[in-house]
Every structure is written in C-alpha cells, then in structure tokens.
C-alpha cells in the first residue's frame, strides 16, 4: 500500500485532490471575483434561464441552503435575478450576468489547460470519467440519468 496508510484511502485522497484542484480553479477565477462554484452556477443559468433552485441543486449536487446562499451572493452582484410565482421560483441571469459568460468560459479554459498540463490530457479525462462514474454509483444514479442532468 505504500509508505503511508493514507495512500490507499479513497476518502483521504479524493479530498486532498479536491483541495489541490480548488486551488488551481480559484487562481483561474480570481480575476472575475467569482468562486469556481458561482461560475458553474452562472454557466448553468446561461444555458437554462428560468431554472428552479431545486434543479440547480440537483445539477450542482448542493443542498438547498447552499443554492440559496449562492443565488443571494450572485444577486447582490447583480448577476442573477429571481422571479417568483406562488411557491415556485425561477432564476435568471441578468444582462450583466450574461455579459461575463465569455470571461467565465475563458477562466474554465485556463483552468483546464493548467490541470491538463500537470496531469496530461488523457489522464485528466480518464480520471474525470472514473470519478463521475464512482459518484453516480455512490449516488445511486444510472449513467442515463447523469447524461441528461439538465433535464432534471
């Protein structure tokens, strides 16, 4: 198993890897003054204007309270707006939110280039696929469900 018992511990290694990836991502998104998670939410909103907070939570695999905090933070920056009708709520990107989408795409591209330069393109793609499949298995989702996640 190696020099240290944690080397073979999936939980430890996935979390350590996640922290390293977050550092790389934060560097790429810092000029936008957006967290990588907020940027991901903005991309989903751009592709799915009027999405419900519940669907956002499913897509991002975040709790309703976290989604509410994200929406509140982005609304404060005037990047998103809520439209409510009774008990339902729909989230839309504002014009300002739509204007930063190209910059978000550039930040994602920079992030991708940084980690593929370190890991190698093939290894990065393989690792992403393995982690996605493992996440689906742990979540009880089938491959078909995740492939159509925007339709949830």
C-alpha atoms as a PDB file:
ATOM      1  CA  UNK A   1       0.000   0.000   0.000  1.00  0.00           C
ATOM      2  CA  UNK A   2       2.989   2.361   0.132  1.00  0.00           C
ATOM      3  CA  UNK A   3       4.805   4.277   2.805  1.00  0.00           C
ATOM      4  CA  UNK A   4       1.708   5.620   4.481  1.00  0.00           C
ATOM      5  CA  UNK A   5      -1.662   4.013   5.189  1.00  0.00           C
ATOM      6  CA  UNK A   6      -3.491   7.055   3.754  1.00  0.00           C
ATOM      7  CA  UNK A   7      -2.034   6.388   0.310  1.00  0.00           C
ATOM      8  CA  UNK A   8      -4.692   3.721  -0.251  1.00  0.00           C
ATOM      9  CA  UNK A   9      -7.543   5.634   1.384  1.00  0.00           C
ATOM     10  CA  UNK A  10     -10.009   6.828  -1.244  1.00  0.00           C
ATOM     11  CA  UNK A  11     -11.672   9.308   1.112  1.00  0.00           C
ATOM     12  CA  UNK A  12      -8.400  10.996   2.060  1.00  0.00           C
ATOM     13  CA  UNK A  13      -7.041  11.088  -1.485  1.00  0.00           C
ATOM     14  CA  UNK A  14     -10.213  12.400  -3.127  1.00  0.00           C
ATOM     15  CA  UNK A  15     -10.417  15.201  -0.566  1.00  0.00           C
ATOM     16  CA  UNK A  16      -6.730  16.070  -0.884  1.00  0.00           C
ATOM     17  CA  UNK A  17      -7.080  16.058  -4.694  1.00  0.00           C
ATOM     18  CA  UNK A  18     -10.189  18.233  -4.453  1.00  0.00           C
ATOM     19  CA  UNK A  19      -8.288  20.806  -2.373  1.00  0.00           C
ATOM     20  CA  UNK A  20      -5.477  20.903  -4.963  1.00  0.00           C
ATOM     21  CA  UNK A  21      -7.959  21.295  -7.834  1.00  0.00           C
ATOM     22  CA  UNK A  22      -9.779  24.047  -5.937  1.00  0.00           C
ATOM     23  CA  UNK A  23      -6.512  25.992  -5.557  1.00  0.00           C
ATOM     24  CA  UNK A  24      -5.937  25.775  -9.314  1.00  0.00           C
ATOM     25  CA  UNK A  25      -9.526  26.759 -10.076  1.00  0.00           C
ATOM     26  CA  UNK A  26      -9.511  29.703  -7.666  1.00  0.00           C
ATOM     27  CA  UNK A  27      -6.412  31.057  -9.392  1.00  0.00           C
ATOM     28  CA  UNK A  28      -8.176  30.975 -12.760  1.00  0.00           C
ATOM     29  CA  UNK A  29     -11.390  32.566 -11.461  1.00  0.00           C
ATOM     30  CA  UNK A  30      -9.816  35.185  -9.158  1.00  0.00           C
ATOM     31  CA  UNK A  31      -9.801  37.948 -11.819  1.00  0.00           C
ATOM     32  CA  UNK A  32     -13.589  37.565 -12.151  1.00  0.00           C
ATOM     33  CA  UNK A  33     -14.099  37.875  -8.392  1.00  0.00           C
ATOM     34  CA  UNK A  34     -16.204  34.717  -8.589  1.00  0.00           C
ATOM     35  CA  UNK A  35     -15.688  31.391  -6.920  1.00  0.00           C
ATOM     36  CA  UNK A  36     -15.474  28.412  -9.280  1.00  0.00           C
ATOM     37  CA  UNK A  37     -18.790  27.168  -7.853  1.00  0.00           C
ATOM     38  CA  UNK A  38     -20.506  30.502  -8.539  1.00  0.00           C
ATOM     39  CA  UNK A  39     -19.085  30.463 -12.073  1.00  0.00           C
ATOM     40  CA  UNK A  40     -20.507  26.964 -12.603  1.00  0.00           C
ATOM     41  CA  UNK A  41     -23.916  28.150 -11.453  1.00  0.00           C
ATOM     42  CA  UNK A  42     -23.711  31.088 -13.876  1.00  0.00           C
ATOM     43  CA  UNK A  43     -22.979  28.759 -16.804  1.00  0.00           C
ATOM     44  CA  UNK A  44     -25.941  26.565 -15.887  1.00  0.00           C
ATOM     45  CA  UNK A  45     -28.199  29.632 -15.665  1.00  0.00           C
ATOM     46  CA  UNK A  46     -26.992  30.893 -19.022  1.00  0.00           C
ATOM     47  CA  UNK A  47     -27.846  27.555 -20.633  1.00  0.00           C
ATOM     48  CA  UNK A  48     -31.079  27.117 -18.605  1.00  0.00           C
ATOM     49  CA  UNK A  49     -32.608  30.548 -17.890  1.00  0.00           C
ATOM     50  CA  UNK A  50     -35.558  30.234 -15.536  1.00  0.00           C
ATOM     51  CA  UNK A  51     -34.285  27.066 -13.862  1.00  0.00           C
ATOM     52  CA  UNK A  52     -35.605  26.327 -10.392  1.00  0.00           C
ATOM     53  CA  UNK A  53     -33.329  26.382  -7.356  1.00  0.00           C
ATOM     54  CA  UNK A  54     -34.212  22.715  -6.794  1.00  0.00           C
ATOM     55  CA  UNK A  55     -32.938  21.748 -10.253  1.00  0.00           C
ATOM     56  CA  UNK A  56     -29.826  23.871  -9.735  1.00  0.00           C
ATOM     57  CA  UNK A  57     -29.173  21.957  -6.522  1.00  0.00           C
ATOM     58  CA  UNK A  58     -29.515  18.630  -8.307  1.00  0.00           C
ATOM     59  CA  UNK A  59     -27.200  19.656 -11.127  1.00  0.00           C
ATOM     60  CA  UNK A  60     -24.548  21.072  -8.808  1.00  0.00           C
ATOM     61  CA  UNK A  61     -25.145  18.411  -6.131  1.00  0.00           C
ATOM     62  CA  UNK A  62     -25.581  21.089  -3.482  1.00  0.00           C
ATOM     63  CA  UNK A  63     -28.093  21.474  -0.666  1.00  0.00           C
ATOM     64  CA  UNK A  64     -30.998  23.915  -0.967  1.00  0.00           C
ATOM     65  CA  UNK A  65     -29.451  26.204   1.671  1.00  0.00           C
ATOM     66  CA  UNK A  66     -26.170  26.354  -0.263  1.00  0.00           C
ATOM     67  CA  UNK A  67     -28.023  27.125  -3.502  1.00  0.00           C
ATOM     68  CA  UNK A  68     -29.906  29.910  -1.706  1.00  0.00           C
ATOM     69  CA  UNK A  69     -26.627  31.383  -0.439  1.00  0.00           C
ATOM     70  CA  UNK A  70     -25.090  31.204  -3.923  1.00  0.00           C
ATOM     71  CA  UNK A  71     -28.114  32.884  -5.516  1.00  0.00           C
ATOM     72  CA  UNK A  72     -28.138  35.575  -2.816  1.00  0.00           C
ATOM     73  CA  UNK A  73     -24.430  36.280  -3.377  1.00  0.00           C
ATOM     74  CA  UNK A  74     -24.829  36.455  -7.155  1.00  0.00           C
ATOM     75  CA  UNK A  75     -27.969  38.608  -6.857  1.00  0.00           C
ATOM     76  CA  UNK A  76     -26.027  41.021  -4.650  1.00  0.00           C
ATOM     77  CA  UNK A  77     -23.504  41.336  -7.508  1.00  0.00           C
ATOM     78  CA  UNK A  78     -26.459  41.878  -9.870  1.00  0.00           C
ATOM     79  CA  UNK A  79     -25.553  38.775 -11.897  1.00  0.00           C
ATOM     80  CA  UNK A  80     -28.816  36.871 -11.311  1.00  0.00           C
ATOM     81  CA  UNK A  81     -32.440  37.645 -10.563  1.00  0.00           C
ATOM     82  CA  UNK A  82     -35.303  35.656  -9.078  1.00  0.00           C
ATOM     83  CA  UNK A  83     -38.813  35.555 -10.397  1.00  0.00           C
ATOM     84  CA  UNK A  84     -41.354  34.051  -8.034  1.00  0.00           C
ATOM     85  CA  UNK A  85     -44.836  32.800  -8.745  1.00  0.00           C
ATOM     86  CA  UNK A  86     -46.565  31.412  -5.698  1.00  0.00           C
ATOM     87  CA  UNK A  87     -44.322  28.793  -4.132  1.00  0.00           C
ATOM     88  CA  UNK A  88     -42.152  28.385  -7.211  1.00  0.00           C
ATOM     89  CA  UNK A  89     -39.085  30.402  -8.028  1.00  0.00           C
ATOM     90  CA  UNK A  90     -37.155  30.738 -11.264  1.00  0.00           C
ATOM     91  CA  UNK A  91     -33.599  32.002 -11.528  1.00  0.00           C
ATOM     92  CA  UNK A  92     -32.329  34.004 -14.492  1.00  0.00           C
ATOM     93  CA  UNK A  93     -29.007  35.572 -15.390  1.00  0.00           C
ATOM     94  CA  UNK A  94     -29.202  39.356 -15.660  1.00  0.00           C
ATOM     95  CA  UNK A  95     -27.762  41.240 -18.633  1.00  0.00           C
ATOM     96  CA  UNK A  96     -24.639  41.820 -16.529  1.00  0.00           C
ATOM     97  CA  UNK A  97     -24.557  38.092 -15.758  1.00  0.00           C
ATOM     98  CA  UNK A  98     -24.781  37.219 -19.458  1.00  0.00           C
ATOM     99  CA  UNK A  99     -22.001  39.670 -20.276  1.00  0.00           C
ATOM    100  CA  UNK A 100     -19.491  37.798 -18.082  1.00  0.00           C
ATOM    101  CA  UNK A 101     -20.172  34.366 -19.612  1.00  0.00           C
ATOM    102  CA  UNK A 102     -17.307  34.673 -22.144  1.00  0.00           C
ATOM    103  CA  UNK A 103     -14.929  35.576 -19.303  1.00  0.00           C
ATOM    104  CA  UNK A 104     -16.151  32.570 -17.306  1.00  0.00           C
ATOM    105  CA  UNK A 105     -15.565  30.357 -20.344  1.00  0.00           C
ATOM    106  CA  UNK A 106     -12.010  31.741 -20.657  1.00  0.00           C
ATOM    107  CA  UNK A 107     -11.368  31.081 -16.956  1.00  0.00           C
ATOM    108  CA  UNK A 108     -12.590  27.486 -17.343  1.00  0.00           C
ATOM    109  CA  UNK A 109     -10.373  27.062 -20.403  1.00  0.00           C
ATOM    110  CA  UNK A 110      -7.360  28.382 -18.446  1.00  0.00           C
ATOM    111  CA  UNK A 111      -8.174  26.076 -15.535  1.00  0.00           C
ATOM    112  CA  UNK A 112      -8.488  23.102 -17.898  1.00  0.00           C
ATOM    113  CA  UNK A 113      -5.179  23.944 -19.576  1.00  0.00           C
ATOM    114  CA  UNK A 114      -3.465  24.225 -16.192  1.00  0.00           C
ATOM    115  CA  UNK A 115      -4.585  20.868 -14.863  1.00  0.00           C
ATOM    116  CA  UNK A 116      -4.140  19.002 -18.150  1.00  0.00           C
ATOM    117  CA  UNK A 117      -0.617  20.392 -18.413  1.00  0.00           C
ATOM    118  CA  UNK A 118       0.103  18.921 -14.965  1.00  0.00           C
ATOM    119  CA  UNK A 119      -1.804  15.627 -15.251  1.00  0.00           C
ATOM    120  CA  UNK A 120      -1.743  15.074 -19.000  1.00  0.00           C
ATOM    121  CA  UNK A 121      -4.852  15.263 -21.153  1.00  0.00           C
ATOM    122  CA  UNK A 122      -5.544  11.530 -21.280  1.00  0.00           C
ATOM    123  CA  UNK A 123      -5.066  11.056 -17.543  1.00  0.00           C
ATOM    124  CA  UNK A 124      -7.248  14.090 -16.752  1.00  0.00           C
ATOM    125  CA  UNK A 125     -10.092  12.820 -18.959  1.00  0.00           C
ATOM    126  CA  UNK A 126      -9.811   9.283 -17.610  1.00  0.00           C
ATOM    127  CA  UNK A 127      -9.763  10.484 -14.020  1.00  0.00           C
ATOM    128  CA  UNK A 128     -12.789  12.745 -14.593  1.00  0.00           C
ATOM    129  CA  UNK A 129     -14.727   9.855 -16.104  1.00  0.00           C
ATOM    130  CA  UNK A 130     -13.757   7.471 -13.283  1.00  0.00           C
ATOM    131  CA  UNK A 131     -14.748   9.989 -10.618  1.00  0.00           C
ATOM    132  CA  UNK A 132     -18.030  10.732 -12.406  1.00  0.00           C
ATOM    133  CA  UNK A 133     -18.893   7.043 -12.592  1.00  0.00           C
ATOM    134  CA  UNK A 134     -17.943   6.480  -8.957  1.00  0.00           C
ATOM    135  CA  UNK A 135     -20.070   9.461  -7.937  1.00  0.00           C
ATOM    136  CA  UNK A 136     -23.015   8.071  -9.893  1.00  0.00           C
ATOM    137  CA  UNK A 137     -22.605   4.689  -8.209  1.00  0.00           C
ATOM    138  CA  UNK A 138     -22.477   6.269  -4.759  1.00  0.00           C
ATOM    139  CA  UNK A 139     -25.469   8.470  -5.563  1.00  0.00           C
ATOM    140  CA  UNK A 140     -27.485   5.560  -6.912  1.00  0.00           C
ATOM    141  CA  UNK A 141     -27.813   7.234 -10.316  1.00  0.00           C
ATOM    142  CA  UNK A 142     -27.570   5.456 -13.642  1.00  0.00           C
ATOM    143  CA  UNK A 143     -25.377   6.683 -16.476  1.00  0.00           C
ATOM    144  CA  UNK A 144     -28.515   7.646 -18.397  1.00  0.00           C
ATOM    145  CA  UNK A 145     -29.690   9.959 -15.613  1.00  0.00           C
ATOM    146  CA  UNK A 146     -26.422  11.880 -15.429  1.00  0.00           C
ATOM    147  CA  UNK A 147     -26.155  12.206 -19.203  1.00  0.00           C
ATOM    148  CA  UNK A 148     -29.472  14.075 -19.167  1.00  0.00           C
ATOM    149  CA  UNK A 149     -28.900  16.040 -15.984  1.00  0.00           C
ATOM    150  CA  UNK A 150     -30.006  19.415 -17.466  1.00  0.00           C
ATOM    151  CA  UNK A 151     -33.481  17.941 -17.998  1.00  0.00           C
ATOM    152  CA  UNK A 152     -33.994  17.073 -14.280  1.00  0.00           C
END
